Amino acid sequence: MSTSVAPTPLADLRLPATEIRCSVHAGFPSPAEDHAGRRIDVIDKLVTHPQATFTMRVRGESMREAGIFDGDVVLVDRAVRPQHGMVVVAVVDGEFTCKQLWKRGSNIKLKAANPTFADITPKDGQTVEVWGVVIAAIKQFPIR
């Protein structure tokens, strides 16, 4: 993902949905369970720090093996402390990018999750800031 568009604050966004109290199998169908539902807020289920969480639309295929595809919306939490192995949004020379954080001591690398894309290893004088941690990716499937 690479973009210079500003992130969208999530604090006031609500996504109400009905929670169905059963699991859904992705293999063989299971017998019907009690489908009693209650209203939930999807954002409340995903977001711990609403004032520090932003949405960003992904452009590009560099994170596809991490399950993040072109057009997905990622939720980025700036209150989570970035750690080795986490998927993050970073600012590299003024441009946003989504990559996996590789960190050993003071050395960092931003790793692509697609072998056709190069990792980003900061060079002398290059500005790299880990902006936030990706906590979820939202996909929209075609319904036609």
N, C-alpha and C. Protein backbone atom coordinates (compact mmCIF):
# COMPACT_ATOMS: atom_id res chain seq x y z
N MET A 1 0.86 -1.17 0.00
CA MET A 1 0.00 0.00 0.00
C MET A 1 0.89 1.22 0.00
N SER A 2 0.61 2.12 -0.85
CA SER A 2 1.35 3.36 -0.88
C SER A 2 0.39 4.47 -1.27
N THR A 3 0.28 5.47 -0.41
CA THR A 3 -0.66 6.55 -0.67
C THR A 3 -0.26 7.78 0.12
N SER A 4 -0.68 8.93 -0.33
CA SER A 4 -0.44 10.15 0.42
C SER A 4 -1.76 10.74 0.92
N VAL A 5 -2.86 9.98 0.80
CA VAL A 5 -4.17 10.42 1.26
C VAL A 5 -4.22 10.31 2.77
N ALA A 6 -4.81 11.30 3.42
CA ALA A 6 -4.87 11.30 4.88
C ALA A 6 -5.79 10.18 5.40
N PRO A 7 -5.43 9.55 6.51
CA PRO A 7 -6.27 8.53 7.12
C PRO A 7 -7.58 9.12 7.62
N THR A 8 -8.59 8.30 7.72
CA THR A 8 -9.90 8.73 8.19
C THR A 8 -10.06 8.36 9.65
N PRO A 9 -10.42 9.31 10.55
CA PRO A 9 -10.64 8.96 11.95
C PRO A 9 -11.83 8.03 12.09
N LEU A 10 -11.75 7.11 13.03
CA LEU A 10 -12.78 6.12 13.21
C LEU A 10 -13.69 6.43 14.39
N ALA A 11 -13.34 7.39 15.22
CA ALA A 11 -13.98 7.60 16.51
C ALA A 11 -15.51 7.65 16.47
N ASP A 12 -16.12 8.25 15.46
CA ASP A 12 -17.57 8.39 15.44
C ASP A 12 -18.27 7.39 14.53
N LEU A 13 -17.52 6.50 13.88
CA LEU A 13 -18.11 5.53 12.96
C LEU A 13 -18.73 4.37 13.73
N ARG A 14 -19.93 4.00 13.40
CA ARG A 14 -20.60 2.85 14.01
C ARG A 14 -21.06 1.92 12.91
N LEU A 15 -20.85 0.63 13.09
CA LEU A 15 -21.30 -0.37 12.13
C LEU A 15 -22.18 -1.38 12.86
N PRO A 16 -23.47 -1.04 13.04
CA PRO A 16 -24.33 -1.99 13.74
C PRO A 16 -24.61 -3.21 12.88
N ALA A 17 -24.72 -4.34 13.51
CA ALA A 17 -25.05 -5.59 12.85
C ALA A 17 -25.71 -6.50 13.87
N THR A 18 -26.31 -7.58 13.40
CA THR A 18 -26.93 -8.53 14.31
C THR A 18 -25.99 -9.70 14.49
N GLU A 19 -25.67 -10.00 15.74
CA GLU A 19 -24.82 -11.14 16.06
C GLU A 19 -25.68 -12.38 16.12
N ILE A 20 -25.29 -13.42 15.41
CA ILE A 20 -25.98 -14.69 15.45
C ILE A 20 -25.16 -15.61 16.34
N ARG A 21 -25.75 -16.12 17.37
CA ARG A 21 -25.03 -16.89 18.37
C ARG A 21 -24.83 -18.34 17.94
N CYS A 22 -24.04 -18.53 16.89
CA CYS A 22 -23.61 -19.85 16.47
C CYS A 22 -22.36 -19.67 15.65
N SER A 23 -21.66 -20.76 15.43
CA SER A 23 -20.49 -20.67 14.58
C SER A 23 -20.90 -21.05 13.17
N VAL A 24 -20.08 -20.67 12.21
CA VAL A 24 -20.34 -21.03 10.82
C VAL A 24 -19.16 -21.85 10.35
N HIS A 25 -19.45 -23.01 9.78
CA HIS A 25 -18.40 -23.91 9.33
C HIS A 25 -18.01 -23.57 7.90
N ALA A 26 -16.74 -23.64 7.62
CA ALA A 26 -16.26 -23.36 6.28
C ALA A 26 -15.98 -24.66 5.53
N GLY A 27 -16.34 -25.77 6.14
CA GLY A 27 -16.18 -27.07 5.48
C GLY A 27 -17.55 -27.65 5.20
N PHE A 28 -17.88 -28.73 5.91
CA PHE A 28 -19.18 -29.36 5.74
C PHE A 28 -20.23 -28.61 6.54
N PRO A 29 -21.45 -28.50 6.05
CA PRO A 29 -22.51 -27.81 6.79
C PRO A 29 -22.80 -28.53 8.11
N SER A 30 -23.23 -27.76 9.11
CA SER A 30 -23.58 -28.34 10.40
C SER A 30 -25.08 -28.20 10.60
N PRO A 31 -25.65 -29.02 11.48
CA PRO A 31 -27.08 -28.88 11.75
C PRO A 31 -27.39 -27.48 12.28
N ALA A 32 -28.59 -27.00 12.02
CA ALA A 32 -28.99 -25.67 12.48
C ALA A 32 -28.89 -25.61 14.00
N GLU A 33 -28.35 -24.49 14.46
CA GLU A 33 -28.26 -24.23 15.90
C GLU A 33 -29.26 -23.14 16.23
N ASP A 34 -29.35 -22.80 17.50
CA ASP A 34 -30.22 -21.70 17.91
C ASP A 34 -29.67 -20.42 17.29
N HIS A 35 -30.47 -19.76 16.46
CA HIS A 35 -30.01 -18.57 15.75
C HIS A 35 -30.52 -17.28 16.38
N ALA A 36 -30.73 -17.30 17.69
CA ALA A 36 -31.17 -16.08 18.36
C ALA A 36 -30.11 -15.01 18.16
N GLY A 37 -30.55 -13.82 17.75
CA GLY A 37 -29.60 -12.76 17.46
C GLY A 37 -29.82 -11.56 18.34
N ARG A 38 -28.77 -10.79 18.51
CA ARG A 38 -28.86 -9.51 19.21
C ARG A 38 -27.99 -8.52 18.47
N ARG A 39 -28.31 -7.24 18.60
CA ARG A 39 -27.56 -6.20 17.91
C ARG A 39 -26.19 -6.01 18.58
N ILE A 40 -25.17 -5.92 17.75
CA ILE A 40 -23.82 -5.62 18.23
C ILE A 40 -23.26 -4.50 17.38
N ASP A 41 -22.22 -3.89 17.85
CA ASP A 41 -21.51 -2.88 17.07
C ASP A 41 -20.18 -3.51 16.66
N VAL A 42 -20.00 -3.70 15.36
CA VAL A 42 -18.80 -4.36 14.85
C VAL A 42 -17.54 -3.61 15.28
N ILE A 43 -17.59 -2.30 15.25
CA ILE A 43 -16.42 -1.51 15.65
C ILE A 43 -16.07 -1.76 17.12
N ASP A 44 -17.08 -1.86 17.98
CA ASP A 44 -16.80 -2.16 19.39
C ASP A 44 -16.09 -3.50 19.54
N LYS A 45 -16.38 -4.44 18.68
CA LYS A 45 -15.74 -5.76 18.74
C LYS A 45 -14.28 -5.71 18.27
N LEU A 46 -13.96 -4.79 17.36
CA LEU A 46 -12.63 -4.75 16.77
C LEU A 46 -11.69 -3.71 17.38
N VAL A 47 -12.25 -2.60 17.87
CA VAL A 47 -11.44 -1.44 18.23
C VAL A 47 -11.36 -1.25 19.74
N THR A 48 -10.13 -1.16 20.23
CA THR A 48 -9.88 -0.91 21.66
C THR A 48 -9.70 0.58 21.93
N HIS A 49 -9.11 1.30 20.99
CA HIS A 49 -8.78 2.72 21.17
C HIS A 49 -9.44 3.54 20.05
N PRO A 50 -10.75 3.83 20.16
CA PRO A 50 -11.44 4.51 19.05
C PRO A 50 -10.86 5.88 18.70
N GLN A 51 -10.36 6.63 19.67
CA GLN A 51 -9.81 7.95 19.38
C GLN A 51 -8.47 7.87 18.65
N ALA A 52 -7.82 6.71 18.71
CA ALA A 52 -6.50 6.55 18.08
C ALA A 52 -6.55 5.61 16.87
N THR A 53 -7.76 5.24 16.44
CA THR A 53 -7.90 4.28 15.35
C THR A 53 -8.41 4.97 14.09
N PHE A 54 -7.80 4.64 12.97
CA PHE A 54 -8.10 5.26 11.69
C PHE A 54 -8.35 4.18 10.64
N THR A 55 -9.07 4.55 9.59
CA THR A 55 -9.25 3.64 8.46
C THR A 55 -8.41 4.14 7.29
N MET A 56 -7.88 3.20 6.54
CA MET A 56 -7.11 3.52 5.34
C MET A 56 -7.44 2.47 4.28
N ARG A 57 -7.62 2.90 3.04
CA ARG A 57 -7.87 1.97 1.94
C ARG A 57 -6.54 1.54 1.34
N VAL A 58 -6.38 0.25 1.18
CA VAL A 58 -5.15 -0.33 0.64
C VAL A 58 -5.15 -0.23 -0.88
N ARG A 59 -4.03 0.16 -1.43
CA ARG A 59 -3.82 0.16 -2.87
C ARG A 59 -2.54 -0.63 -3.14
N GLY A 60 -2.65 -1.68 -3.91
CA GLY A 60 -1.48 -2.48 -4.24
C GLY A 60 -1.59 -3.89 -3.68
N GLU A 61 -0.65 -4.73 -4.08
CA GLU A 61 -0.68 -6.16 -3.75
C GLU A 61 0.49 -6.62 -2.88
N SER A 62 1.22 -5.69 -2.26
CA SER A 62 2.43 -6.09 -1.53
C SER A 62 2.16 -6.86 -0.25
N MET A 63 0.91 -6.89 0.22
CA MET A 63 0.60 -7.58 1.49
C MET A 63 -0.37 -8.75 1.30
N ARG A 64 -0.50 -9.25 0.08
CA ARG A 64 -1.51 -10.27 -0.21
C ARG A 64 -1.30 -11.56 0.57
N GLU A 65 -0.07 -11.97 0.82
CA GLU A 65 0.16 -13.21 1.57
C GLU A 65 -0.13 -13.04 3.06
N ALA A 66 -0.37 -11.82 3.49
CA ALA A 66 -0.82 -11.55 4.86
C ALA A 66 -2.34 -11.41 4.89
N GLY A 67 -2.99 -11.62 3.73
CA GLY A 67 -4.44 -11.54 3.66
C GLY A 67 -4.98 -10.14 3.45
N ILE A 68 -4.12 -9.21 3.08
CA ILE A 68 -4.52 -7.82 2.83
C ILE A 68 -4.37 -7.56 1.33
N PHE A 69 -5.51 -7.23 0.68
CA PHE A 69 -5.54 -7.12 -0.77
C PHE A 69 -5.89 -5.70 -1.21
N ASP A 70 -5.61 -5.40 -2.48
CA ASP A 70 -5.96 -4.12 -3.07
C ASP A 70 -7.45 -3.86 -2.87
N GLY A 71 -7.79 -2.69 -2.34
CA GLY A 71 -9.18 -2.32 -2.11
C GLY A 71 -9.67 -2.58 -0.69
N ASP A 72 -8.96 -3.40 0.08
CA ASP A 72 -9.35 -3.63 1.47
C ASP A 72 -9.23 -2.34 2.27
N VAL A 73 -9.99 -2.25 3.34
CA VAL A 73 -9.87 -1.15 4.29
C VAL A 73 -9.20 -1.72 5.53
N VAL A 74 -8.11 -1.10 5.96
CA VAL A 74 -7.45 -1.54 7.20
C VAL A 74 -7.79 -0.59 8.33
N LEU A 75 -7.92 -1.16 9.52
CA LEU A 75 -8.07 -0.37 10.74
C LEU A 75 -6.69 -0.25 11.35
N VAL A 76 -6.25 0.97 11.59
CA VAL A 76 -4.90 1.24 12.07
C VAL A 76 -4.99 1.92 13.43
N ASP A 77 -4.43 1.26 14.45
CA ASP A 77 -4.47 1.77 15.83
C ASP A 77 -3.12 2.38 16.16
N ARG A 78 -3.13 3.68 16.43
CA ARG A 78 -1.88 4.39 16.75
C ARG A 78 -1.50 4.25 18.22
N ALA A 79 -2.41 3.69 19.05
CA ALA A 79 -2.11 3.54 20.48
C ALA A 79 -1.42 2.22 20.79
N VAL A 80 -1.39 1.30 19.84
CA VAL A 80 -0.73 0.01 20.04
C VAL A 80 0.76 0.18 19.77
N ARG A 81 1.58 -0.33 20.66
CA ARG A 81 3.03 -0.24 20.50
C ARG A 81 3.48 -1.25 19.44
N PRO A 82 4.09 -0.78 18.35
CA PRO A 82 4.50 -1.70 17.28
C PRO A 82 5.60 -2.64 17.76
N GLN A 83 5.45 -3.91 17.42
CA GLN A 83 6.43 -4.91 17.79
C GLN A 83 6.79 -5.75 16.58
N HIS A 84 7.92 -6.42 16.68
CA HIS A 84 8.41 -7.30 15.62
C HIS A 84 7.30 -8.27 15.19
N GLY A 85 7.10 -8.37 13.88
CA GLY A 85 6.13 -9.31 13.33
C GLY A 85 4.75 -8.74 13.08
N MET A 86 4.45 -7.58 13.66
CA MET A 86 3.14 -6.97 13.45
C MET A 86 3.06 -6.33 12.06
N VAL A 87 1.85 -6.28 11.52
CA VAL A 87 1.61 -5.53 10.29
C VAL A 87 1.38 -4.09 10.71
N VAL A 88 2.08 -3.17 10.06
CA VAL A 88 2.03 -1.76 10.44
C VAL A 88 1.80 -0.89 9.21
N VAL A 89 1.40 0.33 9.47
CA VAL A 89 1.43 1.38 8.46
C VAL A 89 2.59 2.28 8.87
N ALA A 90 3.48 2.51 7.91
CA ALA A 90 4.65 3.36 8.16
C ALA A 90 4.65 4.50 7.15
N VAL A 91 5.36 5.55 7.50
CA VAL A 91 5.55 6.67 6.59
C VAL A 91 7.02 6.64 6.18
N VAL A 92 7.23 6.44 4.89
CA VAL A 92 8.58 6.37 4.34
C VAL A 92 8.74 7.55 3.38
N ASP A 93 9.60 8.48 3.74
CA ASP A 93 9.83 9.68 2.93
C ASP A 93 8.52 10.37 2.57
N GLY A 94 7.61 10.48 3.55
CA GLY A 94 6.36 11.21 3.36
C GLY A 94 5.22 10.42 2.74
N GLU A 95 5.43 9.13 2.41
CA GLU A 95 4.39 8.30 1.81
C GLU A 95 4.02 7.17 2.75
N PHE A 96 2.70 6.89 2.88
CA PHE A 96 2.24 5.77 3.69
C PHE A 96 2.51 4.45 2.96
N THR A 97 2.87 3.42 3.73
CA THR A 97 3.00 2.08 3.19
C THR A 97 2.60 1.08 4.27
N CYS A 98 2.04 -0.03 3.86
CA CYS A 98 1.62 -1.09 4.78
C CYS A 98 2.57 -2.27 4.59
N LYS A 99 3.23 -2.69 5.66
CA LYS A 99 4.21 -3.77 5.60
C LYS A 99 4.27 -4.48 6.97
N GLN A 100 4.97 -5.60 7.01
CA GLN A 100 5.21 -6.29 8.27
C GLN A 100 6.50 -5.73 8.86
N LEU A 101 6.45 -5.42 10.16
CA LEU A 101 7.61 -4.84 10.84
C LEU A 101 8.59 -5.94 11.25
N TRP A 102 9.82 -5.78 10.83
CA TRP A 102 10.93 -6.62 11.27
C TRP A 102 11.80 -5.73 12.13
N LYS A 103 12.02 -6.13 13.37
CA LYS A 103 12.76 -5.26 14.29
C LYS A 103 13.70 -6.10 15.15
N ARG A 104 14.97 -5.72 15.13
CA ARG A 104 15.99 -6.35 15.98
C ARG A 104 16.82 -5.22 16.57
N GLY A 105 16.67 -4.99 17.86
CA GLY A 105 17.37 -3.88 18.50
C GLY A 105 16.92 -2.57 17.88
N SER A 106 17.86 -1.77 17.40
CA SER A 106 17.50 -0.51 16.76
C SER A 106 17.36 -0.64 15.25
N ASN A 107 17.59 -1.84 14.73
CA ASN A 107 17.46 -2.08 13.29
C ASN A 107 16.02 -2.45 12.93
N ILE A 108 15.49 -1.83 11.88
CA ILE A 108 14.16 -2.18 11.41
C ILE A 108 14.19 -2.41 9.90
N LYS A 109 13.20 -3.18 9.48
CA LYS A 109 12.97 -3.41 8.06
C LYS A 109 11.45 -3.52 7.90
N LEU A 110 10.94 -3.06 6.78
CA LEU A 110 9.53 -3.19 6.47
C LEU A 110 9.42 -4.26 5.39
N LYS A 111 8.82 -5.39 5.76
CA LYS A 111 8.81 -6.56 4.88
C LYS A 111 7.49 -6.66 4.12
N ALA A 112 7.60 -6.88 2.83
CA ALA A 112 6.43 -7.12 1.99
C ALA A 112 5.96 -8.56 2.22
N ALA A 113 4.67 -8.80 2.03
CA ALA A 113 4.11 -10.14 2.14
C ALA A 113 3.74 -10.62 0.73
N ASN A 114 4.65 -10.38 -0.18
CA ASN A 114 4.49 -10.79 -1.58
C ASN A 114 5.91 -10.82 -2.15
N PRO A 115 6.35 -11.98 -2.62
CA PRO A 115 7.75 -12.10 -3.06
C PRO A 115 8.11 -11.24 -4.26
N THR A 116 7.14 -10.69 -4.96
CA THR A 116 7.46 -9.84 -6.12
C THR A 116 7.74 -8.39 -5.71
N PHE A 117 7.59 -8.08 -4.40
CA PHE A 117 7.86 -6.73 -3.91
C PHE A 117 9.09 -6.76 -3.01
N ALA A 118 9.90 -5.73 -3.11
CA ALA A 118 11.10 -5.62 -2.28
C ALA A 118 10.75 -5.15 -0.88
N ASP A 119 11.51 -5.62 0.09
CA ASP A 119 11.40 -5.10 1.45
C ASP A 119 12.00 -3.70 1.47
N ILE A 120 11.63 -2.94 2.50
CA ILE A 120 12.16 -1.58 2.66
C ILE A 120 13.13 -1.60 3.83
N THR A 121 14.41 -1.39 3.54
CA THR A 121 15.43 -1.26 4.57
C THR A 121 15.87 0.20 4.55
N PRO A 122 15.63 0.93 5.64
CA PRO A 122 15.97 2.37 5.64
C PRO A 122 17.46 2.60 5.33
N LYS A 123 17.67 3.57 4.47
CA LYS A 123 19.03 3.97 4.12
C LYS A 123 19.42 5.21 4.93
N ASP A 124 20.70 5.52 4.96
CA ASP A 124 21.16 6.71 5.66
C ASP A 124 20.41 7.94 5.15
N GLY A 125 19.86 8.72 6.07
CA GLY A 125 19.16 9.95 5.71
C GLY A 125 17.70 9.75 5.33
N GLN A 126 17.26 8.50 5.21
CA GLN A 126 15.87 8.24 4.84
C GLN A 126 14.99 8.30 6.09
N THR A 127 13.83 8.95 5.94
CA THR A 127 12.90 9.09 7.05
C THR A 127 11.89 7.95 7.03
N VAL A 128 11.86 7.16 8.11
CA VAL A 128 10.90 6.07 8.26
C VAL A 128 10.28 6.18 9.64
N GLU A 129 8.95 6.27 9.69
CA GLU A 129 8.23 6.35 10.96
C GLU A 129 7.12 5.31 10.95
N VAL A 130 7.10 4.44 11.97
CA VAL A 130 5.98 3.51 12.11
C VAL A 130 4.82 4.34 12.65
N TRP A 131 3.78 4.47 11.84
CA TRP A 131 2.65 5.36 12.12
C TRP A 131 1.59 4.70 12.99
N GLY A 132 1.35 3.42 12.79
CA GLY A 132 0.34 2.70 13.58
C GLY A 132 0.35 1.22 13.24
N VAL A 133 -0.40 0.46 14.03
CA VAL A 133 -0.47 -0.99 13.88
C VAL A 133 -1.81 -1.37 13.25
N VAL A 134 -1.75 -2.22 12.23
CA VAL A 134 -2.97 -2.70 11.58
C VAL A 134 -3.61 -3.75 12.49
N ILE A 135 -4.87 -3.49 12.90
CA ILE A 135 -5.56 -4.41 13.81
C ILE A 135 -6.62 -5.24 13.09
N ALA A 136 -7.01 -4.83 11.87
CA ALA A 136 -8.00 -5.59 11.12
C ALA A 136 -7.98 -5.13 9.66
N ALA A 137 -8.40 -6.03 8.81
CA ALA A 137 -8.62 -5.70 7.39
C ALA A 137 -10.06 -6.04 7.06
N ILE A 138 -10.75 -5.11 6.44
CA ILE A 138 -12.15 -5.32 6.09
C ILE A 138 -12.24 -5.50 4.58
N LYS A 139 -12.88 -6.58 4.18
CA LYS A 139 -13.03 -6.89 2.76
C LYS A 139 -14.49 -6.75 2.39
N GLN A 140 -14.71 -6.34 1.17
CA GLN A 140 -16.09 -6.31 0.66
C GLN A 140 -16.14 -7.20 -0.55
N PHE A 141 -17.02 -8.20 -0.49
CA PHE A 141 -17.15 -9.15 -1.58
C PHE A 141 -18.23 -8.71 -2.53
N PRO A 142 -18.08 -8.98 -3.82
CA PRO A 142 -19.12 -8.62 -4.77
C PRO A 142 -20.39 -9.42 -4.48
N ILE A 143 -21.54 -8.77 -4.64
CA ILE A 143 -22.80 -9.46 -4.34
C ILE A 143 -23.64 -9.66 -5.59
N ARG A 144 -23.09 -9.44 -6.73
CA ARG A 144 -23.84 -9.63 -7.98
C ARG A 144 -23.59 -10.97 -8.58
